Amino acid sequence: MEGDLLGAGNLAKRFEVVVVEPDDEDVELLRFAAFTGFAHRFSQWIDVGGSARVPGGWGGKRSGAGSRPGRRDTLALRRGGYHGSRRSRRWRGGSTVATIRDVAQHAGVAPSTVSYVLSGSRSISEETRTRVREAIDVLGYHPRASARTLRAGRTRVIALAVPRAAGLQRSVDGRFAIDVSDAANLLGYDLLLSTSQDKAEGVRRVALSGLADAAVLMAVDMEDSRIDVVRELAFPAALIGRPADEAALPWTDLDWEAAAALAVRTLAAAGHRTLVYLGPTRSEFAGRRSYALRGRAGARAGAEETRRPVRVLETPDDGPRLAHRLREAIGTGPGCATALIVQHPSADHVLSALTALGLHVPEDLAVLVLGSLPDDPTARRLPRVDLPVHTLASEVTRLAAHATTLPGTTPAPHLLVPPLLSGADRLRGTRDHGTT
């Protein structure tokens, strides 16, 4: 199908959609693309071996007599067309995508001859080569990525693995995806986006598919199962996240421990005696996400260093409970908390909960945000440690590309970005710091 895909940013780009490897999972790639508004920047979008749904009524349009809205299939998007395979079908008037066998039949040659023409691996007469090329043009055939790169031996594609169950906000996923895409393009690579609930098997499928030279893995756990997979397969990869085994693979990350400890020290120096640390969601802690565990450890270390009580709180997975949890943690009267540290890319939901409690920022409560997106308008009004998305994305892409030429480098290179606190002067103004 060719149709307009309309996203949050009112993007209206032309895409060709093909079905690849139908499966049973329900990965709504097009919904993710439309929500983030970044789909138009990817040269390729695919969930290898997974599946997707085209939801009706939100801009992911199907056209042609062969359309079947709501069908569960894996989708692959490529700006300017996608290189299909024998199992691919095009949603356009019910017609099918040309296969290598179709080309062979049209040209009057064997399928292997078409492969030889595409790969250049054998000498083929000019007459036969011309017939094959003409058949390709007439049928609109596009060879698979593996066929296109037989001579080069490389795809010049980097896969970005974003687990669907990572618990991260889509805005963060989208920002990293766009910056990794830009960094990859600067290095001469295209970007392939892979999502899968089964993180390890998703990466295994990408590695074995031959679609990418290397992978960038997001939402890293402390003991991430994907690390064992890529090492087992000797597949080059780099991580956005600091694993427990720091020598396992190249990685880059914000120093979450240092960021949380810095926040506690800064608030203590401003006169706050009792603080609340609101960490990521319970599911992120349960999944042992690196940023969640390291941020909490940093808050506790800061409390020990400053000898200030810090009440550690997990963000409820269900939003309506947040105000109740905050009211309990902040307390009232003497000894109540006068400062809140929020480890989250956006503070909007927290500020809304505080407003519902009748608290004003910063008059009643100082709020400091860890890991905010650099251009988040709400966070820019607050003291904050921004998530250095551009730096992390550029460096991890460089590390992944570098790993294709020097696999297994020991120890694995990494970049730990120190926290940079902005807006500390906005901490003044709280009515009662509890100072003596």
Protein backbone atom coordinates (compact mmCIF):
# COMPACT_ATOMS: atom_id res chain seq x y z
CA MET A 1 0.00 0.00 0.00
CA GLU A 2 1.06 3.52 -0.57
CA GLY A 3 -0.73 5.96 1.71
CA ASP A 4 -0.24 8.94 3.93
CA LEU A 5 1.05 8.21 7.42
CA LEU A 6 0.03 11.08 9.69
CA GLY A 7 1.87 11.43 13.00
CA ALA A 8 1.94 13.69 16.03
CA GLY A 9 3.97 16.25 14.14
CA ASN A 10 1.47 16.37 11.22
CA LEU A 11 3.96 14.55 9.05
CA ALA A 12 2.63 13.41 5.73
CA LYS A 13 5.17 11.23 4.00
CA ARG A 14 4.60 8.62 1.33
CA PHE A 15 5.38 5.06 2.36
CA GLU A 16 5.20 1.69 0.71
CA VAL A 17 4.00 -1.01 3.10
CA VAL A 18 4.66 -4.69 2.53
CA VAL A 19 3.92 -7.79 4.58
CA VAL A 20 6.96 -9.73 5.77
CA GLU A 21 7.02 -13.05 7.65
CA PRO A 22 3.54 -13.17 9.27
CA ASP A 23 3.66 -14.21 12.93
CA ASP A 24 1.49 -14.15 16.07
CA GLU A 25 2.83 -11.21 18.10
CA ASP A 26 0.95 -7.90 18.19
CA VAL A 27 3.55 -5.17 17.65
CA GLU A 28 1.84 -1.93 16.63
CA LEU A 29 4.75 -0.43 14.75
CA LEU A 30 2.64 1.98 12.73
CA ARG A 31 0.89 3.26 15.85
CA PHE A 32 4.32 3.85 17.43
CA ALA A 33 5.47 5.65 14.30
CA ALA A 34 2.44 7.89 14.18
CA PHE A 35 2.56 8.63 17.91
CA THR A 36 6.18 9.70 17.95
CA GLY A 37 5.99 11.57 14.65
CA PHE A 38 9.42 10.28 13.66
CA ALA A 39 8.54 7.56 11.16
CA HIS A 40 9.36 9.71 8.15
CA ARG A 41 13.02 9.94 9.19
CA PHE A 42 13.74 6.21 9.06
CA SER A 43 15.04 4.66 5.88
CA GLN A 44 13.73 1.29 7.03
CA TRP A 45 11.30 0.17 9.71
CA ILE A 46 10.78 -3.53 10.37
CA ASP A 47 10.05 -5.97 13.16
CA VAL A 48 11.98 -9.04 12.02
CA GLY A 49 9.90 -12.14 12.60
CA GLY A 50 7.31 -10.29 14.67
CA SER A 51 4.01 -8.91 13.54
CA ALA A 52 2.05 -5.72 13.45
CA ARG A 53 -1.45 -4.41 13.16
CA VAL A 54 -2.68 -1.56 11.02
CA PRO A 55 -5.23 0.10 13.30
CA GLY A 56 -8.14 1.72 11.55
CA GLY A 57 -9.09 5.35 11.66
CA TRP A 58 -5.86 7.08 12.62
CA GLY A 59 -4.00 7.77 9.43
CA GLY A 60 -2.34 4.46 8.60
CA LYS A 61 -4.50 4.00 5.49
CA ARG A 62 -4.91 0.94 3.34
CA SER A 63 -5.94 1.24 -0.28
CA GLY A 64 -6.83 -1.13 -3.08
CA ALA A 65 -9.29 -3.97 -3.55
CA GLY A 66 -7.02 -6.36 -1.71
CA SER A 67 -7.04 -4.37 1.53
CA ARG A 68 -8.07 -6.10 4.73
CA PRO A 69 -8.11 -3.60 7.62
CA GLY A 70 -6.99 -4.95 10.97
CA ARG A 71 -5.02 -7.86 9.59
CA ARG A 72 -2.18 -8.95 11.90
CA ASP A 73 1.06 -8.93 9.96
CA THR A 74 4.59 -7.68 10.26
CA LEU A 75 5.13 -4.42 8.44
CA ALA A 76 8.27 -3.10 6.89
CA LEU A 77 8.47 0.55 5.88
CA ARG A 78 11.14 2.04 3.73
CA ARG A 79 11.07 5.60 2.46
CA GLY A 80 11.11 5.30 -1.31
CA GLY A 81 10.22 1.60 -1.28
CA TYR A 82 11.13 -1.57 0.59
CA HIS A 83 13.16 -4.46 -0.75
CA GLY A 84 10.72 -7.35 -0.61
CA SER A 85 10.99 -11.12 -0.51
CA ARG A 86 9.08 -14.06 -1.93
CA ARG A 87 6.68 -14.07 1.01
CA SER A 88 5.91 -10.36 0.64
CA ARG A 89 2.67 -9.01 -0.73
CA ARG A 90 1.79 -5.45 -1.66
CA TRP A 91 -1.55 -4.01 -0.60
CA ARG A 92 -2.38 -2.35 -3.90
CA GLY A 93 -5.35 -3.58 -5.86
CA GLY A 94 -4.73 -7.11 -4.59
CA SER A 95 -1.59 -7.53 -6.73
CA THR A 96 1.53 -9.25 -5.44
CA VAL A 97 5.10 -8.08 -5.23
CA ALA A 98 7.27 -9.57 -7.95
CA THR A 99 9.54 -12.39 -6.82
CA ILE A 100 12.82 -13.62 -8.23
CA ARG A 101 10.90 -16.51 -9.84
CA ASP A 102 8.61 -14.03 -11.60
CA VAL A 103 11.65 -12.23 -13.00
CA ALA A 104 13.18 -15.51 -14.14
CA GLN A 105 9.97 -16.59 -15.89
CA HIS A 106 9.59 -13.21 -17.60
CA ALA A 107 13.20 -13.26 -18.80
CA GLY A 108 13.11 -16.93 -19.79
CA VAL A 109 15.99 -17.92 -17.50
CA ALA A 110 16.50 -19.90 -14.31
CA PRO A 111 16.06 -18.16 -10.91
CA SER A 112 19.73 -18.83 -10.20
CA THR A 113 20.64 -16.81 -13.29
CA VAL A 114 18.72 -13.84 -11.90
CA SER A 115 20.66 -14.22 -8.66
CA TYR A 116 23.96 -14.26 -10.55
CA VAL A 117 23.00 -11.08 -12.40
CA LEU A 118 22.13 -9.36 -9.13
CA SER A 119 25.18 -10.50 -7.21
CA GLY A 120 27.72 -10.45 -10.03
CA SER A 121 29.13 -13.70 -8.66
CA ARG A 122 29.28 -15.37 -12.11
CA SER A 123 29.87 -14.24 -15.65
CA ILE A 124 26.59 -13.85 -17.54
CA SER A 125 26.26 -12.93 -21.20
CA GLU A 126 25.30 -9.36 -21.94
CA GLU A 127 22.18 -10.51 -23.81
CA THR A 128 20.94 -12.52 -20.82
CA ARG A 129 21.88 -9.74 -18.42
CA THR A 130 19.86 -7.26 -20.50
CA ARG A 131 16.79 -9.53 -20.51
CA VAL A 132 16.98 -9.94 -16.75
CA ARG A 133 17.38 -6.19 -16.20
CA GLU A 134 14.42 -5.47 -18.47
CA ALA A 135 12.29 -8.01 -16.57
CA ILE A 136 13.27 -6.40 -13.27
CA ASP A 137 12.25 -2.98 -14.59
CA VAL A 138 8.95 -4.21 -16.04
CA LEU A 139 7.92 -6.12 -12.90
CA GLY A 140 9.26 -3.56 -10.44
CA TYR A 141 11.26 -6.20 -8.62
CA HIS A 142 13.47 -5.19 -5.69
CA PRO A 143 16.03 -7.71 -4.43
CA ARG A 144 16.28 -8.54 -0.76
CA ALA A 145 18.91 -6.81 1.31
CA SER A 146 20.96 -10.00 1.49
CA ALA A 147 21.03 -10.28 -2.30
CA ARG A 148 21.93 -6.65 -2.76
CA THR A 149 24.96 -6.91 -0.53
CA LEU A 150 26.50 -10.21 -1.58
CA ARG A 151 29.37 -8.48 -3.31
CA ALA A 152 29.92 -5.89 -0.62
CA GLY A 153 29.64 -8.40 2.21
CA ARG A 154 28.00 -5.70 4.37
CA THR A 155 24.57 -4.13 4.51
CA ARG A 156 25.57 -0.67 5.80
CA VAL A 157 22.61 -0.95 8.16
CA ILE A 158 22.59 -0.58 11.95
CA ALA A 159 19.68 -2.10 13.86
CA LEU A 160 18.17 -0.21 16.79
CA ALA A 161 16.56 -2.67 19.22
CA VAL A 162 13.83 -1.00 21.29
CA PRO A 163 11.99 -3.58 23.42
CA ARG A 164 8.28 -2.85 23.39
CA ALA A 165 7.95 -3.71 27.09
CA ALA A 166 10.81 -1.46 28.17
CA GLY A 167 8.62 0.87 30.22
CA LEU A 168 10.19 3.93 28.60
CA GLN A 169 8.12 6.83 27.36
CA ARG A 170 7.62 6.82 23.62
CA SER A 171 8.95 10.36 23.47
CA VAL A 172 12.32 9.12 24.76
CA ASP A 173 12.34 6.16 22.37
CA GLY A 174 11.57 8.49 19.50
CA ARG A 175 14.25 11.01 20.41
CA PHE A 176 16.92 8.33 20.63
CA ALA A 177 15.71 6.73 17.41
CA ILE A 178 15.92 9.97 15.45
CA ASP A 179 19.35 10.88 16.84
CA VAL A 180 20.74 7.39 16.24
CA SER A 181 19.31 7.56 12.72
CA ASP A 182 21.04 10.88 12.08
CA ALA A 183 24.31 9.62 13.54
CA ALA A 184 24.12 6.46 11.44
CA ASN A 185 23.50 8.47 8.27
CA LEU A 186 26.57 10.60 8.97
CA LEU A 187 28.59 7.38 9.14
CA GLY A 188 27.07 6.06 5.91
CA TYR A 189 24.57 3.66 7.51
CA ASP A 190 20.82 3.24 7.29
CA LEU A 191 18.79 2.47 10.40
CA LEU A 192 16.62 -0.58 10.98
CA LEU A 193 14.22 -0.39 13.94
CA SER A 194 13.34 -3.66 15.67
CA THR A 195 10.79 -4.10 18.44
CA SER A 196 10.00 -7.30 20.28
CA GLN A 197 8.58 -8.27 23.65
CA ASP A 198 11.12 -11.09 23.76
CA LYS A 199 14.26 -8.97 23.86
CA ALA A 200 16.80 -11.78 23.41
CA GLU A 201 14.98 -13.56 20.59
CA GLY A 202 14.30 -10.28 18.83
CA VAL A 203 18.01 -9.49 18.70
CA ARG A 204 18.78 -13.08 17.69
CA ARG A 205 16.43 -12.77 14.71
CA VAL A 206 18.07 -9.53 13.62
CA ALA A 207 21.56 -11.00 13.95
CA LEU A 208 20.70 -14.14 11.99
CA SER A 209 18.66 -12.34 9.32
CA GLY A 210 21.69 -10.68 7.77
CA LEU A 211 19.77 -7.41 7.56
CA ALA A 212 22.22 -5.41 9.68
CA ASP A 213 25.95 -5.15 10.30
CA ALA A 214 25.55 -4.21 13.97
CA ALA A 215 22.97 -3.34 16.60
CA VAL A 216 22.35 -0.61 19.13
CA LEU A 217 20.46 -1.97 22.15
CA MET A 218 18.23 0.31 24.23
CA ALA A 219 16.52 -0.19 27.62
CA VAL A 220 19.44 -2.15 29.01
CA ASP A 221 18.95 -4.35 32.08
CA MET A 222 21.70 -4.80 34.63
CA GLU A 223 22.00 -8.45 33.54
CA ASP A 224 20.70 -8.11 30.00
CA SER A 225 20.00 -11.38 28.19
CA ARG A 226 20.74 -9.75 24.82
CA ILE A 227 24.40 -9.41 25.77
CA ASP A 228 24.82 -13.19 25.85
CA VAL A 229 23.04 -13.52 22.50
CA VAL A 230 25.21 -11.07 20.57
CA ARG A 231 28.38 -12.45 22.14
CA GLU A 232 27.34 -16.00 21.30
CA LEU A 233 26.70 -15.01 17.68
CA ALA A 234 29.73 -12.69 17.50
CA PHE A 235 27.34 -9.97 16.32
CA PRO A 236 28.70 -6.43 16.77
CA ALA A 237 26.60 -4.38 19.18
CA ALA A 238 26.72 -1.40 21.52
CA LEU A 239 24.45 -0.47 24.41
CA ILE A 240 22.61 2.66 25.49
CA GLY A 241 22.81 1.77 29.16
CA ARG A 242 25.41 0.63 31.64
CA PRO A 243 25.20 -3.10 32.39
CA ALA A 244 26.49 -4.80 35.52
CA ASP A 245 29.28 -6.38 33.45
CA GLU A 246 30.77 -3.18 32.08
CA ALA A 247 33.40 -5.05 30.05
CA ALA A 248 30.88 -7.20 28.17
CA LEU A 249 30.08 -4.85 25.28
CA PRO A 250 30.67 -1.24 24.27
CA TRP A 251 28.19 1.05 26.01
CA THR A 252 27.36 4.66 26.76
CA ASP A 253 25.13 6.13 29.44
CA LEU A 254 24.42 9.07 31.69
CA ASP A 255 25.97 8.55 35.12
CA TRP A 256 22.65 8.06 36.87
CA GLU A 257 24.23 7.34 40.24
CA ALA A 258 26.22 10.56 40.13
CA ALA A 259 23.17 12.48 38.88
CA ALA A 260 20.94 11.37 41.76
CA ALA A 261 23.68 11.95 44.34
CA LEU A 262 24.30 15.42 42.87
CA ALA A 263 20.60 16.22 43.18
CA VAL A 264 20.56 15.26 46.86
CA ARG A 265 23.69 17.28 47.59
CA THR A 266 22.34 20.32 45.76
CA LEU A 267 19.04 20.27 47.62
CA ALA A 268 20.76 19.72 50.94
CA ALA A 269 23.06 22.67 50.27
CA ALA A 270 19.97 24.80 49.55
CA GLY A 271 18.71 24.05 53.05
CA HIS A 272 16.29 21.20 52.47
CA ARG A 273 16.39 18.69 55.32
CA THR A 274 13.90 16.05 54.15
CA LEU A 275 13.66 14.93 50.53
CA VAL A 276 11.64 12.54 48.40
CA TYR A 277 13.16 10.64 45.48
CA LEU A 278 10.54 9.56 42.93
CA GLY A 279 12.15 6.91 40.76
CA PRO A 280 10.95 5.15 37.60
CA THR A 281 7.99 2.78 37.61
CA ARG A 282 7.74 -0.38 39.66
CA SER A 283 7.93 -2.51 36.51
CA GLU A 284 11.19 -0.83 35.52
CA PHE A 285 12.70 -1.61 38.91
CA ALA A 286 11.37 -5.18 38.72
CA GLY A 287 12.89 -5.53 35.26
CA ARG A 288 16.22 -4.36 36.70
CA ARG A 289 16.60 -1.52 34.22
CA SER A 290 20.06 -0.08 34.65
CA TYR A 291 18.98 3.55 34.84
CA ALA A 292 16.37 2.75 37.51
CA LEU A 293 18.63 0.79 39.83
CA ARG A 294 21.58 3.13 39.45
CA GLY A 295 19.47 6.23 40.03
CA ARG A 296 18.02 4.80 43.22
CA ALA A 297 21.47 3.78 44.41
CA GLY A 298 22.71 7.32 43.78
CA ALA A 299 19.86 8.83 45.80
CA ARG A 300 20.67 6.57 48.73
CA ALA A 301 24.37 7.36 48.46
CA GLY A 302 23.56 11.08 48.47
CA ALA A 303 21.41 10.65 51.56
CA GLU A 304 24.24 8.89 53.37
CA GLU A 305 26.76 11.53 52.30
CA THR A 306 24.64 14.51 53.36
CA ARG A 307 22.97 12.78 56.30
CA ARG A 308 19.63 13.94 55.00
CA PRO A 309 16.64 11.58 55.07
CA VAL A 310 15.55 10.71 51.53
CA ARG A 311 12.25 8.88 51.16
CA VAL A 312 12.60 6.58 48.14
CA LEU A 313 9.43 6.10 46.11
CA GLU A 314 8.62 4.14 42.96
CA THR A 315 6.29 5.69 40.40
CA PRO A 316 3.07 3.64 40.36
CA ASP A 317 2.44 1.82 37.09
CA ASP A 318 -1.12 3.17 37.17
CA GLY A 319 -1.08 6.97 37.01
CA PRO A 320 -4.10 7.76 39.22
CA ARG A 321 -2.27 6.43 42.29
CA LEU A 322 0.61 8.89 41.94
CA ALA A 323 -1.00 11.75 43.88
CA HIS A 324 -1.85 9.42 46.75
CA ARG A 325 1.70 8.08 46.93
CA LEU A 326 3.18 11.57 46.81
CA ARG A 327 0.89 12.81 49.57
CA GLU A 328 2.02 9.95 51.80
CA ALA A 329 5.71 10.46 51.02
CA ILE A 330 5.75 14.26 51.34
CA GLY A 331 3.70 14.35 54.52
CA THR A 332 2.38 17.40 56.35
CA GLY A 333 3.42 19.58 59.26
CA PRO A 334 6.87 19.60 60.91
CA GLY A 335 9.25 17.16 59.27
CA CYS A 336 7.43 17.11 55.95
CA ALA A 337 9.50 16.89 52.79
CA THR A 338 10.22 20.21 51.08
CA ALA A 339 12.00 18.88 48.00
CA LEU A 340 11.22 16.25 45.39
CA ILE A 341 13.68 14.58 42.99
CA VAL A 342 11.94 13.14 39.92
CA GLN A 343 13.81 10.64 37.73
CA HIS A 344 11.67 10.83 34.63
CA PRO A 345 11.96 12.32 31.12
CA SER A 346 8.98 14.58 31.79
CA ALA A 347 7.66 16.14 35.00
CA ASP A 348 4.20 16.96 33.62
CA HIS A 349 2.44 14.09 35.37
CA VAL A 350 4.18 14.89 38.66
CA LEU A 351 3.32 18.58 38.54
CA SER A 352 -0.30 17.70 37.79
CA ALA A 353 -0.37 15.40 40.81
CA LEU A 354 1.15 18.09 43.03
CA THR A 355 -1.41 20.62 41.82
CA ALA A 356 -4.16 18.16 42.71
CA LEU A 357 -2.68 18.05 46.23
CA GLY A 358 -2.78 21.84 46.47
CA LEU A 359 1.01 22.21 46.41
CA HIS A 360 2.76 24.99 44.49
CA VAL A 361 6.23 24.69 42.93
CA PRO A 362 8.61 26.05 44.10
CA GLU A 363 6.82 27.91 46.93
CA ASP A 364 5.65 24.77 48.75
CA LEU A 365 7.93 22.17 47.23
CA ALA A 366 11.17 22.30 45.26
CA VAL A 367 11.22 19.90 42.30
CA LEU A 368 14.43 18.76 40.58
CA VAL A 369 14.16 16.55 37.47
CA LEU A 370 16.68 13.87 36.46
CA GLY A 371 16.87 12.65 32.87
CA SER A 372 14.60 15.24 31.30
CA LEU A 373 14.55 15.65 27.54
CA PRO A 374 16.63 18.70 26.58
CA ASP A 375 13.75 20.49 24.84
CA ASP A 376 10.99 19.60 27.30
CA PRO A 377 9.25 22.93 28.03
CA THR A 378 8.11 21.91 31.51
CA ALA A 379 11.50 20.66 32.66
CA ARG A 380 13.20 23.81 31.41
CA ARG A 381 11.34 25.77 34.08
CA LEU A 382 12.78 23.53 36.81
CA PRO A 383 16.22 22.63 38.17
CA ARG A 384 17.22 19.60 36.13
CA VAL A 385 19.83 17.20 34.82
CA ASP A 386 19.05 16.72 31.13
CA LEU A 387 19.38 13.35 29.45
CA PRO A 388 22.19 13.97 26.90
CA VAL A 389 20.35 12.21 24.08
CA HIS A 390 22.43 13.60 21.23
CA THR A 391 25.75 12.76 22.90
CA LEU A 392 24.66 9.25 23.87
CA ALA A 393 23.12 8.51 20.47
CA SER A 394 26.13 9.77 18.53
CA GLU A 395 28.61 7.88 20.68
CA VAL A 396 26.73 4.58 20.78
CA THR A 397 26.32 4.65 16.99
CA ARG A 398 30.03 5.28 16.59
CA LEU A 399 30.77 2.39 18.98
CA ALA A 400 28.44 0.05 17.07
CA ALA A 401 30.01 0.97 13.72
CA HIS A 402 33.48 0.63 15.22
CA ALA A 403 32.59 -2.83 16.54
CA THR A 404 32.05 -4.06 12.96
CA THR A 405 35.73 -3.47 12.22
CA LEU A 406 37.19 -4.41 15.61
CA PRO A 407 34.86 -7.03 17.10
CA GLY A 408 35.52 -8.34 20.57
CA THR A 409 37.79 -5.48 21.63
CA THR A 410 38.84 -6.00 25.26
CA PRO A 411 38.05 -4.18 27.40
CA ALA A 412 34.95 -2.92 25.64
CA PRO A 413 35.08 0.86 25.10
CA HIS A 414 32.47 2.98 26.84
CA LEU A 415 31.45 6.55 27.62
CA LEU A 416 29.95 7.49 31.00
CA VAL A 417 28.57 11.02 30.69
CA PRO A 418 28.81 13.07 33.92
CA PRO A 419 25.63 14.89 34.99
CA LEU A 420 25.25 18.59 34.27
CA LEU A 421 22.87 20.44 36.61
CA SER A 422 20.96 23.40 35.17
CA GLY A 423 18.72 25.92 36.93
CA ALA A 424 20.00 25.38 40.48
CA ASP A 425 19.17 29.02 41.24
CA ARG A 426 15.46 28.13 40.93
CA LEU A 427 15.66 26.09 44.13
CA ARG A 428 15.22 29.24 46.22
CA GLY A 429 11.77 30.34 47.31
CA THR A 430 10.46 27.35 49.26
CA ARG A 431 8.42 28.61 52.21
CA ASP A 432 9.90 26.34 54.87
CA HIS A 433 13.13 24.44 54.38
CA GLY A 434 12.97 23.10 57.89
CA THR A 435 16.25 24.78 58.83
CA THR A 436 17.09 25.54 62.40
